[in-house]
Amino acid sequence: MQIANRLLATATAFGGLFAAGTVFAADFGAPMPPPQAVYPAPVYVAVNPYCMRWTARCDRRWGIGSPRFARCMWRHGC
């Protein structure tokens, strides 16, 4: 009787391990797609010759950073 009990316990243990293995090996759907590489847009300022000229003129007249420089640039659309 002891041999039968040990055999039954061993078979139950292996059956449980086999059942747990099939649960972990189950299909959970398609794999996630790889993340898309997101590259930041290049940072550059479009050069407008008209505004370059007025930047130089307003700078000579009022100095960069002053309120009058900002007003001068605004009046010329830059």
PDB file of N, CA and C in Angstrom:
ATOM      1  N   MET A   1       0.823  -1.185   0.000  1.00  0.00           N
ATOM      2  CA  MET A   1       0.000   0.000   0.000  1.00  0.00           C
ATOM      3  C   MET A   1       0.875   1.260   0.000  1.00  0.00           C
ATOM      4  N   GLN A   2       2.000   1.234   0.695  1.00  0.00           N
ATOM      5  CA  GLN A   2       2.880   2.378   0.744  1.00  0.00           C
ATOM      6  C   GLN A   2       3.464   2.679  -0.634  1.00  0.00           C
ATOM      7  N   ILE A   3       3.782   1.686  -1.373  1.00  0.00           N
ATOM      8  CA  ILE A   3       4.345   1.885  -2.701  1.00  0.00           C
ATOM      9  C   ILE A   3       3.311   2.539  -3.599  1.00  0.00           C
ATOM     10  N   ALA A   4       2.058   2.152  -3.482  1.00  0.00           N
ATOM     11  CA  ALA A   4       0.991   2.726  -4.295  1.00  0.00           C
ATOM     12  C   ALA A   4       0.780   4.197  -3.937  1.00  0.00           C
ATOM     13  N   ASN A   5       0.860   4.499  -2.656  1.00  0.00           N
ATOM     14  CA  ASN A   5       0.693   5.893  -2.227  1.00  0.00           C
ATOM     15  C   ASN A   5       1.840   6.765  -2.746  1.00  0.00           C
ATOM     16  N   ARG A   6       3.078   6.253  -2.684  1.00  0.00           N
ATOM     17  CA  ARG A   6       4.219   7.005  -3.186  1.00  0.00           C
ATOM     18  C   ARG A   6       4.116   7.190  -4.696  1.00  0.00           C
ATOM     19  N   LEU A   7       3.687   6.158  -5.388  1.00  0.00           N
ATOM     20  CA  LEU A   7       3.523   6.238  -6.828  1.00  0.00           C
ATOM     21  C   LEU A   7       2.445   7.260  -7.182  1.00  0.00           C
ATOM     22  N   LEU A   8       1.356   7.249  -6.450  1.00  0.00           N
ATOM     23  CA  LEU A   8       0.275   8.204  -6.683  1.00  0.00           C
ATOM     24  C   LEU A   8       0.736   9.635  -6.369  1.00  0.00           C
ATOM     25  N   ALA A   9       1.500   9.822  -5.310  1.00  0.00           N
ATOM     26  CA  ALA A   9       1.998  11.148  -4.953  1.00  0.00           C
ATOM     27  C   ALA A   9       2.985  11.648  -5.998  1.00  0.00           C
ATOM     28  N   THR A  10       3.859  10.769  -6.469  1.00  0.00           N
ATOM     29  CA  THR A  10       4.819  11.158  -7.494  1.00  0.00           C
ATOM     30  C   THR A  10       4.105  11.522  -8.793  1.00  0.00           C
ATOM     31  N   ALA A  11       3.138  10.737  -9.177  1.00  0.00           N
ATOM     32  CA  ALA A  11       2.380  11.010 -10.403  1.00  0.00           C
ATOM     33  C   ALA A  11       1.608  12.315 -10.286  1.00  0.00           C
ATOM     34  N   THR A  12       1.052  12.585  -9.121  1.00  0.00           N
ATOM     35  CA  THR A  12       0.320  13.843  -8.908  1.00  0.00           C
ATOM     36  C   THR A  12       1.271  15.035  -8.975  1.00  0.00           C
ATOM     37  N   ALA A  13       2.456  14.896  -8.397  1.00  0.00           N
ATOM     38  CA  ALA A  13       3.430  15.981  -8.420  1.00  0.00           C
ATOM     39  C   ALA A  13       3.871  16.277  -9.854  1.00  0.00           C
ATOM     40  N   PHE A  14       4.213  15.227 -10.609  1.00  0.00           N
ATOM     41  CA  PHE A  14       4.611  15.435 -11.998  1.00  0.00           C
ATOM     42  C   PHE A  14       3.462  15.976 -12.838  1.00  0.00           C
ATOM     43  N   GLY A  15       2.268  15.529 -12.572  1.00  0.00           N
ATOM     44  CA  GLY A  15       1.098  16.046 -13.298  1.00  0.00           C
ATOM     45  C   GLY A  15       0.877  17.522 -13.018  1.00  0.00           C
ATOM     46  N   GLY A  16       1.074  17.916 -11.757  1.00  0.00           N
ATOM     47  CA  GLY A  16       0.933  19.322 -11.397  1.00  0.00           C
ATOM     48  C   GLY A  16       2.004  20.184 -12.055  1.00  0.00           C
ATOM     49  N   LEU A  17       3.241  19.689 -12.084  1.00  0.00           N
ATOM     50  CA  LEU A  17       4.312  20.427 -12.748  1.00  0.00           C
ATOM     51  C   LEU A  17       4.048  20.543 -14.248  1.00  0.00           C
ATOM     52  N   PHE A  18       3.547  19.475 -14.849  1.00  0.00           N
ATOM     53  CA  PHE A  18       3.241  19.502 -16.271  1.00  0.00           C
ATOM     54  C   PHE A  18       2.106  20.486 -16.559  1.00  0.00           C
ATOM     55  N   ALA A  19       1.091  20.503 -15.721  1.00  0.00           N
ATOM     56  CA  ALA A  19      -0.039  21.423 -15.920  1.00  0.00           C
ATOM     57  C   ALA A  19       0.411  22.872 -15.747  1.00  0.00           C
ATOM     58  N   ALA A  20       1.273  23.126 -14.770  1.00  0.00           N
ATOM     59  CA  ALA A  20       1.773  24.480 -14.559  1.00  0.00           C
ATOM     60  C   ALA A  20       2.646  24.912 -15.728  1.00  0.00           C
ATOM     61  N   GLY A  21       3.407  23.996 -16.288  1.00  0.00           N
ATOM     62  CA  GLY A  21       4.254  24.313 -17.436  1.00  0.00           C
ATOM     63  C   GLY A  21       3.443  24.674 -18.662  1.00  0.00           C
ATOM     64  N   THR A  22       2.322  24.002 -18.861  1.00  0.00           N
ATOM     65  CA  THR A  22       1.495  24.332 -20.025  1.00  0.00           C
ATOM     66  C   THR A  22       0.789  25.667 -19.827  1.00  0.00           C
ATOM     67  N   VAL A  23       0.494  26.026 -18.595  1.00  0.00           N
ATOM     68  CA  VAL A  23      -0.139  27.323 -18.347  1.00  0.00           C
ATOM     69  C   VAL A  23       0.844  28.441 -18.670  1.00  0.00           C
ATOM     70  N   PHE A  24       2.090  28.306 -18.262  1.00  0.00           N
ATOM     71  CA  PHE A  24       3.083  29.334 -18.525  1.00  0.00           C
ATOM     72  C   PHE A  24       3.477  29.388 -19.992  1.00  0.00           C
ATOM     73  N   ALA A  25       3.297  28.293 -20.717  1.00  0.00           N
ATOM     74  CA  ALA A  25       3.662  28.255 -22.123  1.00  0.00           C
ATOM     75  C   ALA A  25       2.489  28.649 -23.019  1.00  0.00           C
ATOM     76  N   ALA A  26       1.390  29.100 -22.438  1.00  0.00           N
ATOM     77  CA  ALA A  26       0.215  29.449 -23.223  1.00  0.00           C
ATOM     78  C   ALA A  26       0.492  30.654 -24.104  1.00  0.00           C
ATOM     79  N   ASP A  27      -0.258  30.774 -25.178  1.00  0.00           N
ATOM     80  CA  ASP A  27      -0.100  31.878 -26.117  1.00  0.00           C
ATOM     81  C   ASP A  27      -0.889  33.079 -25.597  1.00  0.00           C
ATOM     82  N   PHE A  28      -0.221  34.183 -25.425  1.00  0.00           N
ATOM     83  CA  PHE A  28      -0.868  35.388 -24.935  1.00  0.00           C
ATOM     84  C   PHE A  28      -1.109  36.396 -26.040  1.00  0.00           C
ATOM     85  N   GLY A  29      -1.110  35.971 -27.290  1.00  0.00           N
ATOM     86  CA  GLY A  29      -1.373  36.855 -28.406  1.00  0.00           C
ATOM     87  C   GLY A  29      -0.093  37.223 -29.128  1.00  0.00           C
ATOM     88  N   ALA A  30      -0.236  38.114 -30.077  1.00  0.00           N
ATOM     89  CA  ALA A  30       0.902  38.537 -30.885  1.00  0.00           C
ATOM     90  C   ALA A  30       1.863  39.361 -30.041  1.00  0.00           C
ATOM     91  N   PRO A  31       3.147  39.294 -30.340  1.00  0.00           N
ATOM     92  CA  PRO A  31       4.099  40.110 -29.578  1.00  0.00           C
ATOM     93  C   PRO A  31       3.897  41.586 -29.868  1.00  0.00           C
ATOM     94  N   MET A  32       4.317  42.385 -28.930  1.00  0.00           N
ATOM     95  CA  MET A  32       4.198  43.826 -29.092  1.00  0.00           C
ATOM     96  C   MET A  32       5.124  44.291 -30.214  1.00  0.00           C
ATOM     97  N   PRO A  33       4.690  45.252 -31.024  1.00  0.00           N
ATOM     98  CA  PRO A  33       5.584  45.753 -32.067  1.00  0.00           C
ATOM     99  C   PRO A  33       6.731  46.535 -31.441  1.00  0.00           C
ATOM    100  N   PRO A  34       7.860  46.573 -32.117  1.00  0.00           N
ATOM    101  CA  PRO A  34       8.985  47.326 -31.542  1.00  0.00           C
ATOM    102  C   PRO A  34       8.635  48.807 -31.485  1.00  0.00           C
ATOM    103  N   PRO A  35       9.140  49.505 -30.486  1.00  0.00           N
ATOM    104  CA  PRO A  35       8.816  50.938 -30.377  1.00  0.00           C
ATOM    105  C   PRO A  35       9.398  51.700 -31.562  1.00  0.00           C
ATOM    106  N   GLN A  36       8.629  52.666 -32.018  1.00  0.00           N
ATOM    107  CA  GLN A  36       9.069  53.498 -33.128  1.00  0.00           C
ATOM    108  C   GLN A  36      10.071  54.516 -32.618  1.00  0.00           C
ATOM    109  N   ALA A  37      11.130  54.681 -33.359  1.00  0.00           N
ATOM    110  CA  ALA A  37      12.136  55.670 -32.976  1.00  0.00           C
ATOM    111  C   ALA A  37      11.592  57.064 -33.273  1.00  0.00           C
ATOM    112  N   VAL A  38      11.564  57.881 -32.267  1.00  0.00           N
ATOM    113  CA  VAL A  38      11.054  59.239 -32.422  1.00  0.00           C
ATOM    114  C   VAL A  38      12.250  60.181 -32.416  1.00  0.00           C
ATOM    115  N   TYR A  39      12.505  60.751 -33.560  1.00  0.00           N
ATOM    116  CA  TYR A  39      13.619  61.680 -33.672  1.00  0.00           C
ATOM    117  C   TYR A  39      13.073  63.097 -33.617  1.00  0.00           C
ATOM    118  N   PRO A  40      13.632  63.926 -32.766  1.00  0.00           N
ATOM    119  CA  PRO A  40      13.148  65.302 -32.708  1.00  0.00           C
ATOM    120  C   PRO A  40      13.442  66.033 -34.015  1.00  0.00           C
ATOM    121  N   ALA A  41      12.574  66.950 -34.332  1.00  0.00           N
ATOM    122  CA  ALA A  41      12.765  67.739 -35.546  1.00  0.00           C
ATOM    123  C   ALA A  41      14.028  68.594 -35.396  1.00  0.00           C
ATOM    124  N   PRO A  42      14.752  68.760 -36.470  1.00  0.00           N
ATOM    125  CA  PRO A  42      15.952  69.591 -36.351  1.00  0.00           C
ATOM    126  C   PRO A  42      15.582  71.026 -35.994  1.00  0.00           C
ATOM    127  N   VAL A  43      16.337  71.581 -35.100  1.00  0.00           N
ATOM    128  CA  VAL A  43      16.058  72.937 -34.641  1.00  0.00           C
ATOM    129  C   VAL A  43      16.888  73.892 -35.483  1.00  0.00           C
ATOM    130  N   TYR A  44      16.199  74.720 -36.237  1.00  0.00           N
ATOM    131  CA  TYR A  44      16.894  75.737 -37.017  1.00  0.00           C
ATOM    132  C   TYR A  44      15.946  76.909 -37.194  1.00  0.00           C
ATOM    133  N   VAL A  45      16.507  78.030 -37.451  1.00  0.00           N
ATOM    134  CA  VAL A  45      15.733  79.245 -37.651  1.00  0.00           C
ATOM    135  C   VAL A  45      15.874  79.622 -39.118  1.00  0.00           C
ATOM    136  N   ALA A  46      14.747  79.807 -39.772  1.00  0.00           N
ATOM    137  CA  ALA A  46      14.780  80.216 -41.166  1.00  0.00           C
ATOM    138  C   ALA A  46      15.362  81.631 -41.249  1.00  0.00           C
ATOM    139  N   VAL A  47      16.295  81.805 -42.140  1.00  0.00           N
ATOM    140  CA  VAL A  47      16.969  83.096 -42.277  1.00  0.00           C
ATOM    141  C   VAL A  47      16.214  83.926 -43.295  1.00  0.00           C
ATOM    142  N   ASN A  48      15.772  85.057 -42.857  1.00  0.00           N
ATOM    143  CA  ASN A  48      15.083  85.990 -43.725  1.00  0.00           C
ATOM    144  C   ASN A  48      16.027  87.184 -43.928  1.00  0.00           C
ATOM    145  N   PRO A  49      16.507  87.402 -45.150  1.00  0.00           N
ATOM    146  CA  PRO A  49      17.452  88.510 -45.366  1.00  0.00           C
ATOM    147  C   PRO A  49      16.877  89.865 -44.972  1.00  0.00           C
ATOM    148  N   TYR A  50      15.590  90.039 -45.174  1.00  0.00           N
ATOM    149  CA  TYR A  50      14.940  91.288 -44.808  1.00  0.00           C
ATOM    150  C   TYR A  50      15.075  91.530 -43.301  1.00  0.00           C
ATOM    151  N   CYS A  51      14.794  90.491 -42.519  1.00  0.00           N
ATOM    152  CA  CYS A  51      14.868  90.642 -41.063  1.00  0.00           C
ATOM    153  C   CYS A  51      16.307  90.741 -40.581  1.00  0.00           C
ATOM    154  N   MET A  52      17.228  90.089 -41.291  1.00  0.00           N
ATOM    155  CA  MET A  52      18.633  90.220 -40.907  1.00  0.00           C
ATOM    156  C   MET A  52      19.083  91.670 -41.034  1.00  0.00           C
ATOM    157  N   ARG A  53      18.643  92.303 -42.109  1.00  0.00           N
ATOM    158  CA  ARG A  53      19.026  93.697 -42.328  1.00  0.00           C
ATOM    159  C   ARG A  53      18.433  94.583 -41.241  1.00  0.00           C
ATOM    160  N   TRP A  54      17.151  94.368 -40.919  1.00  0.00           N
ATOM    161  CA  TRP A  54      16.535  95.196 -39.903  1.00  0.00           C
ATOM    162  C   TRP A  54      17.040  94.889 -38.503  1.00  0.00           C
ATOM    163  N   THR A  55      17.484  93.668 -38.264  1.00  0.00           N
ATOM    164  CA  THR A  55      18.084  93.360 -36.968  1.00  0.00           C
ATOM    165  C   THR A  55      19.344  94.187 -36.772  1.00  0.00           C
ATOM    166  N   ALA A  56      20.144  94.253 -37.813  1.00  0.00           N
ATOM    167  CA  ALA A  56      21.374  95.051 -37.726  1.00  0.00           C
ATOM    168  C   ALA A  56      21.054  96.528 -37.537  1.00  0.00           C
ATOM    169  N   ARG A  57      20.072  97.029 -38.282  1.00  0.00           N
ATOM    170  CA  ARG A  57      19.729  98.456 -38.172  1.00  0.00           C
ATOM    171  C   ARG A  57      19.146  98.789 -36.803  1.00  0.00           C
ATOM    172  N   CYS A  58      18.200  97.965 -36.336  1.00  0.00           N
ATOM    173  CA  CYS A  58      17.584  98.245 -35.030  1.00  0.00           C
ATOM    174  C   CYS A  58      18.601  98.091 -33.904  1.00  0.00           C
ATOM    175  N   ASP A  59      19.539  97.151 -34.083  1.00  0.00           N
ATOM    176  CA  ASP A  59      20.578  96.985 -33.077  1.00  0.00           C
ATOM    177  C   ASP A  59      21.464  98.222 -33.002  1.00  0.00           C
ATOM    178  N   ARG A  60      21.843  98.749 -34.154  1.00  0.00           N
ATOM    179  CA  ARG A  60      22.670  99.968 -34.149  1.00  0.00           C
ATOM    180  C   ARG A  60      21.921 101.131 -33.517  1.00  0.00           C
ATOM    181  N   ARG A  61      20.637 101.210 -33.787  1.00  0.00           N
ATOM    182  CA  ARG A  61      19.865 102.346 -33.265  1.00  0.00           C
ATOM    183  C   ARG A  61      19.547 102.209 -31.780  1.00  0.00           C
ATOM    184  N   TRP A  62      19.071 101.017 -31.357  1.00  0.00           N
ATOM    185  CA  TRP A  62      18.519 100.901 -30.019  1.00  0.00           C
ATOM    186  C   TRP A  62      19.247  99.900 -29.120  1.00  0.00           C
ATOM    187  N   GLY A  63      20.028  98.994 -29.669  1.00  0.00           N
ATOM    188  CA  GLY A  63      20.693  97.959 -28.853  1.00  0.00           C
ATOM    189  C   GLY A  63      19.774  96.773 -28.617  1.00  0.00           C
ATOM    190  N   ILE A  64      20.326  95.582 -28.786  1.00  0.00           N
ATOM    191  CA  ILE A  64      19.517  94.362 -28.622  1.00  0.00           C
ATOM    192  C   ILE A  64      19.106  94.222 -27.162  1.00  0.00           C
ATOM    193  N   GLY A  65      17.865  93.887 -26.941  1.00  0.00           N
ATOM    194  CA  GLY A  65      17.350  93.677 -25.597  1.00  0.00           C
ATOM    195  C   GLY A  65      16.547  94.831 -25.060  1.00  0.00           C
ATOM    196  N   SER A  66      16.610  95.964 -25.728  1.00  0.00           N
ATOM    197  CA  SER A  66      15.850  97.106 -25.224  1.00  0.00           C
ATOM    198  C   SER A  66      14.424  97.037 -25.766  1.00  0.00           C
ATOM    199  N   PRO A  67      13.500  97.697 -25.068  1.00  0.00           N
ATOM    200  CA  PRO A  67      12.112  97.718 -25.553  1.00  0.00           C
ATOM    201  C   PRO A  67      11.992  98.387 -26.926  1.00  0.00           C
ATOM    202  N   ARG A  68      12.812  99.393 -27.187  1.00  0.00           N
ATOM    203  CA  ARG A  68      12.736 100.060 -28.479  1.00  0.00           C
ATOM    204  C   ARG A  68      13.233  99.164 -29.608  1.00  0.00           C
ATOM    205  N   PHE A  69      14.214  98.282 -29.313  1.00  0.00           N
ATOM    206  CA  PHE A  69      14.657  97.309 -30.311  1.00  0.00           C
ATOM    207  C   PHE A  69      13.508  96.377 -30.667  1.00  0.00           C
ATOM    208  N   ALA A  70      12.803  95.898 -29.661  1.00  0.00           N
ATOM    209  CA  ALA A  70      11.672  95.001 -29.912  1.00  0.00           C
ATOM    210  C   ALA A  70      10.593  95.714 -30.714  1.00  0.00           C
ATOM    211  N   ARG A  71      10.352  96.984 -30.391  1.00  0.00           N
ATOM    212  CA  ARG A  71       9.340  97.743 -31.124  1.00  0.00           C
ATOM    213  C   ARG A  71       9.776  97.971 -32.571  1.00  0.00           C
ATOM    214  N   CYS A  72      11.052  98.252 -32.767  1.00  0.00           N
ATOM    215  CA  CYS A  72      11.583  98.462 -34.115  1.00  0.00           C
ATOM    216  C   CYS A  72      11.412  97.191 -34.952  1.00  0.00           C
ATOM    217  N   MET A  73      11.748  96.044 -34.366  1.00  0.00           N
ATOM    218  CA  MET A  73      11.602  94.779 -35.100  1.00  0.00           C
ATOM    219  C   MET A  73      10.144  94.472 -35.376  1.00  0.00           C
ATOM    220  N   TRP A  74       9.285  94.759 -34.423  1.00  0.00           N
ATOM    221  CA  TRP A  74       7.853  94.519 -34.604  1.00  0.00           C
ATOM    222  C   TRP A  74       7.275  95.401 -35.715  1.00  0.00           C
ATOM    223  N   ARG A  75       7.701  96.649 -35.751  1.00  0.00           N
ATOM    224  CA  ARG A  75       7.196  97.567 -36.777  1.00  0.00           C
ATOM    225  C   ARG A  75       7.590  97.129 -38.172  1.00  0.00           C
ATOM    226  N   HIS A  76       8.717  96.404 -38.301  1.00  0.00           N
ATOM    227  CA  HIS A  76       9.150  95.952 -39.623  1.00  0.00           C
ATOM    228  C   HIS A  76       8.767  94.496 -39.898  1.00  0.00           C
ATOM    229  N   GLY A  77       7.942  93.909 -39.026  1.00  0.00           N
ATOM    230  CA  GLY A  77       7.410  92.577 -39.275  1.00  0.00           C
ATOM    231  C   GLY A  77       8.385  91.447 -39.025  1.00  0.00           C
ATOM    232  N   CYS A  78       9.336  91.656 -38.157  1.00  0.00           N
ATOM    233  CA  CYS A  78      10.326  90.596 -37.897  1.00  0.00           C
ATOM    234  C   CYS A  78      10.181  90.040 -36.508  1.00  0.00           C
TER     235      CYS A  78
END
